Amino acid sequence: MRMAALAVLVLSGLLLLLIVFRKKMGWAWLSLFGTHLLLAALGIYVVNFSGLLTDIYIPLNPATIGAVTVLGLPGVLMLMGLKITLF
């Protein structure tokens, strides 16, 4: 079962690379993604060390960075709301 899952992962990764390079998107998407990633980390960093809300600390891990990268500033607000309501 584990080999089947690994085979599906490798095959889907190769097909994704094929699609990316056949569409002539080049490397522009990588710089855009990097910019979003950097701004997401900066947004979480500002929340953690601004001192406005002292009881909120959002850890910098792949899940939080990914959520903020995809959702943008509302993602930071979502994480803050989750931190306030759940913890």
PDB file of N, CA and C in Angstrom:
ATOM      1  N   MET A   1       0.825  -1.192   0.000  1.00  0.00           N
ATOM      2  CA  MET A   1       0.000   0.000   0.000  1.00  0.00           C
ATOM      3  C   MET A   1       0.873   1.262   0.000  1.00  0.00           C
ATOM      4  N   ARG A   2       1.960   1.194   0.758  1.00  0.00           N
ATOM      5  CA  ARG A   2       2.838   2.354   0.849  1.00  0.00           C
ATOM      6  C   ARG A   2       3.528   2.627  -0.493  1.00  0.00           C
ATOM      7  N   MET A   3       3.898   1.585  -1.198  1.00  0.00           N
ATOM      8  CA  MET A   3       4.536   1.744  -2.514  1.00  0.00           C
ATOM      9  C   MET A   3       3.564   2.332  -3.524  1.00  0.00           C
ATOM     10  N   ALA A   4       2.296   1.949  -3.431  1.00  0.00           N
ATOM     11  CA  ALA A   4       1.286   2.495  -4.341  1.00  0.00           C
ATOM     12  C   ALA A   4       1.103   3.985  -4.095  1.00  0.00           C
ATOM     13  N   ALA A   5       1.071   4.387  -2.835  1.00  0.00           N
ATOM     14  CA  ALA A   5       0.931   5.802  -2.506  1.00  0.00           C
ATOM     15  C   ALA A   5       2.150   6.589  -2.981  1.00  0.00           C
ATOM     16  N   LEU A   6       3.328   6.021  -2.817  1.00  0.00           N
ATOM     17  CA  LEU A   6       4.546   6.683  -3.277  1.00  0.00           C
ATOM     18  C   LEU A   6       4.568   6.800  -4.795  1.00  0.00           C
ATOM     19  N   ALA A   7       4.102   5.772  -5.477  1.00  0.00           N
ATOM     20  CA  ALA A   7       4.050   5.810  -6.943  1.00  0.00           C
ATOM     21  C   ALA A   7       3.079   6.877  -7.434  1.00  0.00           C
ATOM     22  N   VAL A   8       1.930   6.995  -6.776  1.00  0.00           N
ATOM     23  CA  VAL A   8       0.956   8.030  -7.143  1.00  0.00           C
ATOM     24  C   VAL A   8       1.545   9.414  -6.894  1.00  0.00           C
ATOM     25  N   LEU A   9       2.260   9.592  -5.791  1.00  0.00           N
ATOM     26  CA  LEU A   9       2.880  10.874  -5.478  1.00  0.00           C
ATOM     27  C   LEU A   9       3.915  11.259  -6.524  1.00  0.00           C
ATOM     28  N   VAL A  10       4.775  10.330  -6.895  1.00  0.00           N
ATOM     29  CA  VAL A  10       5.809  10.614  -7.885  1.00  0.00           C
ATOM     30  C   VAL A  10       5.191  10.904  -9.245  1.00  0.00           C
ATOM     31  N   LEU A  11       4.213  10.122  -9.642  1.00  0.00           N
ATOM     32  CA  LEU A  11       3.554  10.321 -10.932  1.00  0.00           C
ATOM     33  C   LEU A  11       2.841  11.667 -10.989  1.00  0.00           C
ATOM     34  N   SER A  12       2.135  12.023  -9.930  1.00  0.00           N
ATOM     35  CA  SER A  12       1.434  13.306  -9.935  1.00  0.00           C
ATOM     36  C   SER A  12       2.422  14.471  -9.923  1.00  0.00           C
ATOM     37  N   GLY A  13       3.544  14.329  -9.242  1.00  0.00           N
ATOM     38  CA  GLY A  13       4.572  15.374  -9.257  1.00  0.00           C
ATOM     39  C   GLY A  13       5.168  15.570 -10.639  1.00  0.00           C
ATOM     40  N   LEU A  14       5.440  14.466 -11.311  1.00  0.00           N
ATOM     41  CA  LEU A  14       5.975  14.563 -12.672  1.00  0.00           C
ATOM     42  C   LEU A  14       4.968  15.178 -13.635  1.00  0.00           C
ATOM     43  N   LEU A  15       3.711  14.804 -13.507  1.00  0.00           N
ATOM     44  CA  LEU A  15       2.681  15.397 -14.367  1.00  0.00           C
ATOM     45  C   LEU A  15       2.494  16.883 -14.078  1.00  0.00           C
ATOM     46  N   LEU A  16       2.604  17.279 -12.833  1.00  0.00           N
ATOM     47  CA  LEU A  16       2.507  18.695 -12.484  1.00  0.00           C
ATOM     48  C   LEU A  16       3.659  19.482 -13.101  1.00  0.00           C
ATOM     49  N   LEU A  17       4.860  18.954 -13.032  1.00  0.00           N
ATOM     50  CA  LEU A  17       6.005  19.611 -13.663  1.00  0.00           C
ATOM     51  C   LEU A  17       5.827  19.706 -15.177  1.00  0.00           C
ATOM     52  N   LEU A  18       5.294  18.669 -15.782  1.00  0.00           N
ATOM     53  CA  LEU A  18       5.033  18.683 -17.209  1.00  0.00           C
ATOM     54  C   LEU A  18       4.036  19.775 -17.574  1.00  0.00           C
ATOM     55  N   ILE A  19       2.983  19.917 -16.801  1.00  0.00           N
ATOM     56  CA  ILE A  19       1.980  20.942 -17.066  1.00  0.00           C
ATOM     57  C   ILE A  19       2.571  22.334 -16.898  1.00  0.00           C
ATOM     58  N   VAL A  20       3.356  22.529 -15.845  1.00  0.00           N
ATOM     59  CA  VAL A  20       3.938  23.849 -15.593  1.00  0.00           C
ATOM     60  C   VAL A  20       4.852  24.277 -16.735  1.00  0.00           C
ATOM     61  N   PHE A  21       5.674  23.388 -17.226  1.00  0.00           N
ATOM     62  CA  PHE A  21       6.623  23.778 -18.261  1.00  0.00           C
ATOM     63  C   PHE A  21       6.035  23.756 -19.662  1.00  0.00           C
ATOM     64  N   ARG A  22       4.943  23.067 -19.895  1.00  0.00           N
ATOM     65  CA  ARG A  22       4.301  23.081 -21.209  1.00  0.00           C
ATOM     66  C   ARG A  22       3.461  24.330 -21.402  1.00  0.00           C
ATOM     67  N   LYS A  23       2.977  24.924 -20.318  1.00  0.00           N
ATOM     68  CA  LYS A  23       2.142  26.116 -20.407  1.00  0.00           C
ATOM     69  C   LYS A  23       2.967  27.393 -20.568  1.00  0.00           C
ATOM     70  N   LYS A  24       4.262  27.277 -20.661  1.00  0.00           N
ATOM     71  CA  LYS A  24       5.179  28.406 -20.844  1.00  0.00           C
ATOM     72  C   LYS A  24       5.067  29.430 -19.710  1.00  0.00           C
ATOM     73  N   MET A  25       4.785  28.932 -18.509  1.00  0.00           N
ATOM     74  CA  MET A  25       4.725  29.836 -17.368  1.00  0.00           C
ATOM     75  C   MET A  25       6.120  30.184 -16.888  1.00  0.00           C
ATOM     76  N   GLY A  26       7.073  29.342 -17.218  1.00  0.00           N
ATOM     77  CA  GLY A  26       8.455  29.624 -16.849  1.00  0.00           C
ATOM     78  C   GLY A  26       8.646  29.672 -15.349  1.00  0.00           C
ATOM     79  N   TRP A  27       9.480  30.600 -14.947  1.00  0.00           N
ATOM     80  CA  TRP A  27       9.809  30.732 -13.529  1.00  0.00           C
ATOM     81  C   TRP A  27       9.121  31.914 -12.866  1.00  0.00           C
ATOM     82  N   ALA A  28       8.224  32.598 -13.566  1.00  0.00           N
ATOM     83  CA  ALA A  28       7.542  33.769 -12.996  1.00  0.00           C
ATOM     84  C   ALA A  28       6.683  33.370 -11.801  1.00  0.00           C
ATOM     85  N   TRP A  29       6.058  32.212 -11.870  1.00  0.00           N
ATOM     86  CA  TRP A  29       5.207  31.779 -10.765  1.00  0.00           C
ATOM     87  C   TRP A  29       6.018  31.531  -9.508  1.00  0.00           C
ATOM     88  N   LEU A  30       7.282  31.123  -9.677  1.00  0.00           N
ATOM     89  CA  LEU A  30       8.122  30.849  -8.520  1.00  0.00           C
ATOM     90  C   LEU A  30       8.471  32.140  -7.776  1.00  0.00           C
ATOM     91  N   SER A  31       8.743  33.204  -8.500  1.00  0.00           N
ATOM     92  CA  SER A  31       9.033  34.478  -7.836  1.00  0.00           C
ATOM     93  C   SER A  31       7.782  35.036  -7.167  1.00  0.00           C
ATOM     94  N   LEU A  32       6.624  34.859  -7.785  1.00  0.00           N
ATOM     95  CA  LEU A  32       5.379  35.315  -7.173  1.00  0.00           C
ATOM     96  C   LEU A  32       5.092  34.523  -5.899  1.00  0.00           C
ATOM     97  N   PHE A  33       5.287  33.216  -5.950  1.00  0.00           N
ATOM     98  CA  PHE A  33       5.083  32.380  -4.766  1.00  0.00           C
ATOM     99  C   PHE A  33       6.072  32.752  -3.663  1.00  0.00           C
ATOM    100  N   GLY A  34       7.322  33.000  -4.035  1.00  0.00           N
ATOM    101  CA  GLY A  34       8.322  33.407  -3.046  1.00  0.00           C
ATOM    102  C   GLY A  34       7.969  34.721  -2.376  1.00  0.00           C
ATOM    103  N   THR A  35       7.434  35.650  -3.156  1.00  0.00           N
ATOM    104  CA  THR A  35       7.008  36.933  -2.587  1.00  0.00           C
ATOM    105  C   THR A  35       5.863  36.731  -1.610  1.00  0.00           C
ATOM    106  N   HIS A  36       4.896  35.907  -1.971  1.00  0.00           N
ATOM    107  CA  HIS A  36       3.783  35.629  -1.071  1.00  0.00           C
ATOM    108  C   HIS A  36       4.265  34.930   0.193  1.00  0.00           C
ATOM    109  N   LEU A  37       5.198  34.033   0.048  1.00  0.00           N
ATOM    110  CA  LEU A  37       5.743  33.317   1.195  1.00  0.00           C
ATOM    111  C   LEU A  37       6.462  34.267   2.146  1.00  0.00           C
ATOM    112  N   LEU A  38       7.250  35.171   1.593  1.00  0.00           N
ATOM    113  CA  LEU A  38       7.975  36.143   2.408  1.00  0.00           C
ATOM    114  C   LEU A  38       7.016  37.090   3.122  1.00  0.00           C
ATOM    115  N   LEU A  39       5.996  37.569   2.421  1.00  0.00           N
ATOM    116  CA  LEU A  39       5.028  38.462   3.041  1.00  0.00           C
ATOM    117  C   LEU A  39       4.205  37.750   4.112  1.00  0.00           C
ATOM    118  N   ALA A  40       3.931  36.461   3.919  1.00  0.00           N
ATOM    119  CA  ALA A  40       3.207  35.695   4.934  1.00  0.00           C
ATOM    120  C   ALA A  40       4.032  35.591   6.211  1.00  0.00           C
ATOM    121  N   ALA A  41       5.303  35.266   6.074  1.00  0.00           N
ATOM    122  CA  ALA A  41       6.176  35.173   7.248  1.00  0.00           C
ATOM    123  C   ALA A  41       6.307  36.526   7.927  1.00  0.00           C
ATOM    124  N   LEU A  42       6.387  37.589   7.151  1.00  0.00           N
ATOM    125  CA  LEU A  42       6.485  38.936   7.719  1.00  0.00           C
ATOM    126  C   LEU A  42       5.214  39.303   8.476  1.00  0.00           C
ATOM    127  N   GLY A  43       4.049  38.954   7.925  1.00  0.00           N
ATOM    128  CA  GLY A  43       2.780  39.238   8.599  1.00  0.00           C
ATOM    129  C   GLY A  43       2.673  38.522   9.930  1.00  0.00           C
ATOM    130  N   ILE A  44       3.067  37.265   9.974  1.00  0.00           N
ATOM    131  CA  ILE A  44       3.024  36.525  11.234  1.00  0.00           C
ATOM    132  C   ILE A  44       4.053  37.076  12.215  1.00  0.00           C
ATOM    133  N   TYR A  45       5.201  37.457  11.707  1.00  0.00           N
ATOM    134  CA  TYR A  45       6.239  38.040  12.560  1.00  0.00           C
ATOM    135  C   TYR A  45       5.756  39.341  13.201  1.00  0.00           C
ATOM    136  N   VAL A  46       5.072  40.171  12.431  1.00  0.00           N
ATOM    137  CA  VAL A  46       4.542  41.442  12.958  1.00  0.00           C
ATOM    138  C   VAL A  46       3.519  41.176  14.054  1.00  0.00           C
ATOM    139  N   VAL A  47       2.654  40.196  13.858  1.00  0.00           N
ATOM    140  CA  VAL A  47       1.662  39.864  14.887  1.00  0.00           C
ATOM    141  C   VAL A  47       2.354  39.372  16.152  1.00  0.00           C
ATOM    142  N   ASN A  48       3.371  38.545  15.995  1.00  0.00           N
ATOM    143  CA  ASN A  48       4.034  37.973  17.167  1.00  0.00           C
ATOM    144  C   ASN A  48       4.819  39.000  17.970  1.00  0.00           C
ATOM    145  N   PHE A  49       5.459  39.927  17.310  1.00  0.00           N
ATOM    146  CA  PHE A  49       6.375  40.813  18.022  1.00  0.00           C
ATOM    147  C   PHE A  49       5.963  42.277  18.031  1.00  0.00           C
ATOM    148  N   SER A  50       4.727  42.577  17.651  1.00  0.00           N
ATOM    149  CA  SER A  50       4.287  43.972  17.679  1.00  0.00           C
ATOM    150  C   SER A  50       3.942  44.416  19.092  1.00  0.00           C
ATOM    151  N   GLY A  51       3.476  43.521  19.923  1.00  0.00           N
ATOM    152  CA  GLY A  51       3.122  43.881  21.282  1.00  0.00           C
ATOM    153  C   GLY A  51       1.705  44.390  21.418  1.00  0.00           C
ATOM    154  N   LEU A  52       0.941  44.461  20.335  1.00  0.00           N
ATOM    155  CA  LEU A  52      -0.437  44.933  20.419  1.00  0.00           C
ATOM    156  C   LEU A  52      -1.310  43.943  21.186  1.00  0.00           C
ATOM    157  N   LEU A  53      -1.159  42.686  20.884  1.00  0.00           N
ATOM    158  CA  LEU A  53      -1.875  41.634  21.600  1.00  0.00           C
ATOM    159  C   LEU A  53      -0.836  40.716  22.221  1.00  0.00           C
ATOM    160  N   THR A  54      -0.640  40.855  23.515  1.00  0.00           N
ATOM    161  CA  THR A  54       0.465  40.157  24.157  1.00  0.00           C
ATOM    162  C   THR A  54       0.202  38.675  24.359  1.00  0.00           C
ATOM    163  N   ASP A  55      -1.052  38.251  24.384  1.00  0.00           N
ATOM    164  CA  ASP A  55      -1.338  36.843  24.645  1.00  0.00           C
ATOM    165  C   ASP A  55      -1.428  35.999  23.374  1.00  0.00           C
ATOM    166  N   ILE A  56      -1.197  36.597  22.222  1.00  0.00           N
ATOM    167  CA  ILE A  56      -1.267  35.854  20.968  1.00  0.00           C
ATOM    168  C   ILE A  56       0.140  35.634  20.417  1.00  0.00           C
ATOM    169  N   TYR A  57       0.459  34.377  20.184  1.00  0.00           N
ATOM    170  CA  TYR A  57       1.707  34.006  19.521  1.00  0.00           C
ATOM    171  C   TYR A  57       1.373  32.952  18.479  1.00  0.00           C
ATOM    172  N   ILE A  58       1.599  33.263  17.212  1.00  0.00           N
ATOM    173  CA  ILE A  58       1.349  32.334  16.119  1.00  0.00           C
ATOM    174  C   ILE A  58       2.696  31.742  15.718  1.00  0.00           C
ATOM    175  N   PRO A  59       2.858  30.432  15.855  1.00  0.00           N
ATOM    176  CA  PRO A  59       4.153  29.837  15.512  1.00  0.00           C
ATOM    177  C   PRO A  59       4.416  29.893  14.011  1.00  0.00           C
ATOM    178  N   LEU A  60       5.677  30.036  13.651  1.00  0.00           N
ATOM    179  CA  LEU A  60       6.076  30.003  12.245  1.00  0.00           C
ATOM    180  C   LEU A  60       6.372  28.558  11.866  1.00  0.00           C
ATOM    181  N   ASN A  61       5.382  27.897  11.304  1.00  0.00           N
ATOM    182  CA  ASN A  61       5.567  26.526  10.838  1.00  0.00           C
ATOM    183  C   ASN A  61       4.929  26.399   9.453  1.00  0.00           C
ATOM    184  N   PRO A  62       5.145  25.319   8.757  1.00  0.00           N
ATOM    185  CA  PRO A  62       4.622  25.203   7.394  1.00  0.00           C
ATOM    186  C   PRO A  62       3.104  25.357   7.288  1.00  0.00           C
ATOM    187  N   ALA A  63       2.360  24.906   8.282  1.00  0.00           N
ATOM    188  CA  ALA A  63       0.899  25.014   8.223  1.00  0.00           C
ATOM    189  C   ALA A  63       0.442  26.468   8.303  1.00  0.00           C
ATOM    190  N   THR A  64       1.005  27.240   9.231  1.00  0.00           N
ATOM    191  CA  THR A  64       0.581  28.633   9.365  1.00  0.00           C
ATOM    192  C   THR A  64       1.081  29.477   8.198  1.00  0.00           C
ATOM    193  N   ILE A  65       2.312  29.253   7.774  1.00  0.00           N
ATOM    194  CA  ILE A  65       2.843  29.988   6.625  1.00  0.00           C
ATOM    195  C   ILE A  65       2.034  29.655   5.370  1.00  0.00           C
ATOM    196  N   GLY A  66       1.694  28.390   5.199  1.00  0.00           N
ATOM    197  CA  GLY A  66       0.906  27.987   4.034  1.00  0.00           C
ATOM    198  C   GLY A  66      -0.472  28.612   4.025  1.00  0.00           C
ATOM    199  N   ALA A  67      -1.127  28.654   5.197  1.00  0.00           N
ATOM    200  CA  ALA A  67      -2.455  29.258   5.278  1.00  0.00           C
ATOM    201  C   ALA A  67      -2.392  30.740   4.932  1.00  0.00           C
ATOM    202  N   VAL A  68      -1.406  31.437   5.447  1.00  0.00           N
ATOM    203  CA  VAL A  68      -1.286  32.866   5.181  1.00  0.00           C
ATOM    204  C   VAL A  68      -0.828  33.112   3.742  1.00  0.00           C
ATOM    205  N   THR A  69      -0.021  32.234   3.180  1.00  0.00           N
ATOM    206  CA  THR A  69       0.401  32.377   1.789  1.00  0.00           C
ATOM    207  C   THR A  69      -0.800  32.272   0.857  1.00  0.00           C
ATOM    208  N   VAL A  70      -1.675  31.338   1.125  1.00  0.00           N
ATOM    209  CA  VAL A  70      -2.847  31.147   0.267  1.00  0.00           C
ATOM    210  C   VAL A  70      -3.899  32.220   0.521  1.00  0.00           C
ATOM    211  N   LEU A  71      -4.158  32.550   1.780  1.00  0.00           N
ATOM    212  CA  LEU A  71      -5.257  33.451   2.111  1.00  0.00           C
ATOM    213  C   LEU A  71      -4.861  34.917   2.213  1.00  0.00           C
ATOM    214  N   GLY A  72      -3.587  35.207   2.363  1.00  0.00           N
ATOM    215  CA  GLY A  72      -3.149  36.597   2.474  1.00  0.00           C
ATOM    216  C   GLY A  72      -3.399  37.150   3.867  1.00  0.00           C
ATOM    217  N   LEU A  73      -3.667  38.444   3.949  1.00  0.00           N
ATOM    218  CA  LEU A  73      -3.903  39.104   5.237  1.00  0.00           C
ATOM    219  C   LEU A  73      -5.101  38.519   5.979  1.00  0.00           C
ATOM    220  N   PRO A  74      -6.197  38.160   5.299  1.00  0.00           N
ATOM    221  CA  PRO A  74      -7.279  37.487   6.038  1.00  0.00           C
ATOM    222  C   PRO A  74      -6.831  36.176   6.688  1.00  0.00           C
ATOM    223  N   GLY A  75      -5.805  35.548   6.151  1.00  0.00           N
ATOM    224  CA  GLY A  75      -5.264  34.344   6.769  1.00  0.00           C
ATOM    225  C   GLY A  75      -4.623  34.636   8.112  1.00  0.00           C
ATOM    226  N   VAL A  76      -3.928  35.773   8.215  1.00  0.00           N
ATOM    227  CA  VAL A  76      -3.350  36.173   9.505  1.00  0.00           C
ATOM    228  C   VAL A  76      -4.470  36.437  10.500  1.00  0.00           C
ATOM    229  N   LEU A  77      -5.508  37.130  10.056  1.00  0.00           N
ATOM    230  CA  LEU A  77      -6.638  37.408  10.941  1.00  0.00           C
ATOM    231  C   LEU A  77      -7.350  36.116  11.348  1.00  0.00           C
ATOM    232  N   MET A  78      -7.455  35.157  10.425  1.00  0.00           N
ATOM    233  CA  MET A  78      -8.061  33.872  10.739  1.00  0.00           C
ATOM    234  C   MET A  78      -7.252  33.147  11.812  1.00  0.00           C
ATOM    235  N   LEU A  79      -5.935  33.140  11.662  1.00  0.00           N
ATOM    236  CA  LEU A  79      -5.092  32.474  12.659  1.00  0.00           C
ATOM    237  C   LEU A  79      -5.188  33.162  14.014  1.00  0.00           C
ATOM    238  N   MET A  80      -5.277  34.487  14.005  1.00  0.00           N
ATOM    239  CA  MET A  80      -5.443  35.213  15.264  1.00  0.00           C
ATOM    240  C   MET A  80      -6.778  34.859  15.909  1.00  0.00           C
ATOM    241  N   GLY A  81      -7.834  34.796  15.115  1.00  0.00           N
ATOM    242  CA  GLY A  81      -9.146  34.430  15.641  1.00  0.00           C
ATOM    243  C   GLY A  81      -9.170  33.012  16.189  1.00  0.00           C
ATOM    244  N   LEU A  82      -8.519  32.088  15.470  1.00  0.00           N
ATOM    245  CA  LEU A  82      -8.440  30.713  15.967  1.00  0.00           C
ATOM    246  C   LEU A  82      -7.668  30.639  17.278  1.00  0.00           C
ATOM    247  N   LYS A  83      -6.598  31.399  17.358  1.00  0.00           N
ATOM    248  CA  LYS A  83      -5.769  31.386  18.578  1.00  0.00           C
ATOM    249  C   LYS A  83      -6.563  31.943  19.758  1.00  0.00           C
ATOM    250  N   ILE A  84      -7.349  32.991  19.523  1.00  0.00           N
ATOM    251  CA  ILE A  84      -8.134  33.597  20.604  1.00  0.00           C
ATOM    252  C   ILE A  84      -9.249  32.667  21.044  1.00  0.00           C
ATOM    253  N   THR A  85      -9.960  32.067  20.088  1.00  0.00           N
ATOM    254  CA  THR A  85     -11.127  31.263  20.459  1.00  0.00           C
ATOM    255  C   THR A  85     -10.769  29.870  20.952  1.00  0.00           C
ATOM    256  N   LEU A  86      -9.737  29.242  20.392  1.00  0.00           N
ATOM    257  CA  LEU A  86      -9.436  27.868  20.779  1.00  0.00           C
ATOM    258  C   LEU A  86      -8.482  27.746  21.950  1.00  0.00           C
ATOM    259  N   PHE A  87      -7.609  28.691  22.129  1.00  0.00           N
ATOM    260  CA  PHE A  87      -6.608  28.544  23.177  1.00  0.00           C
ATOM    261  C   PHE A  87      -6.734  29.669  24.140  1.00  0.00           C
TER     262      PHE A  87
END
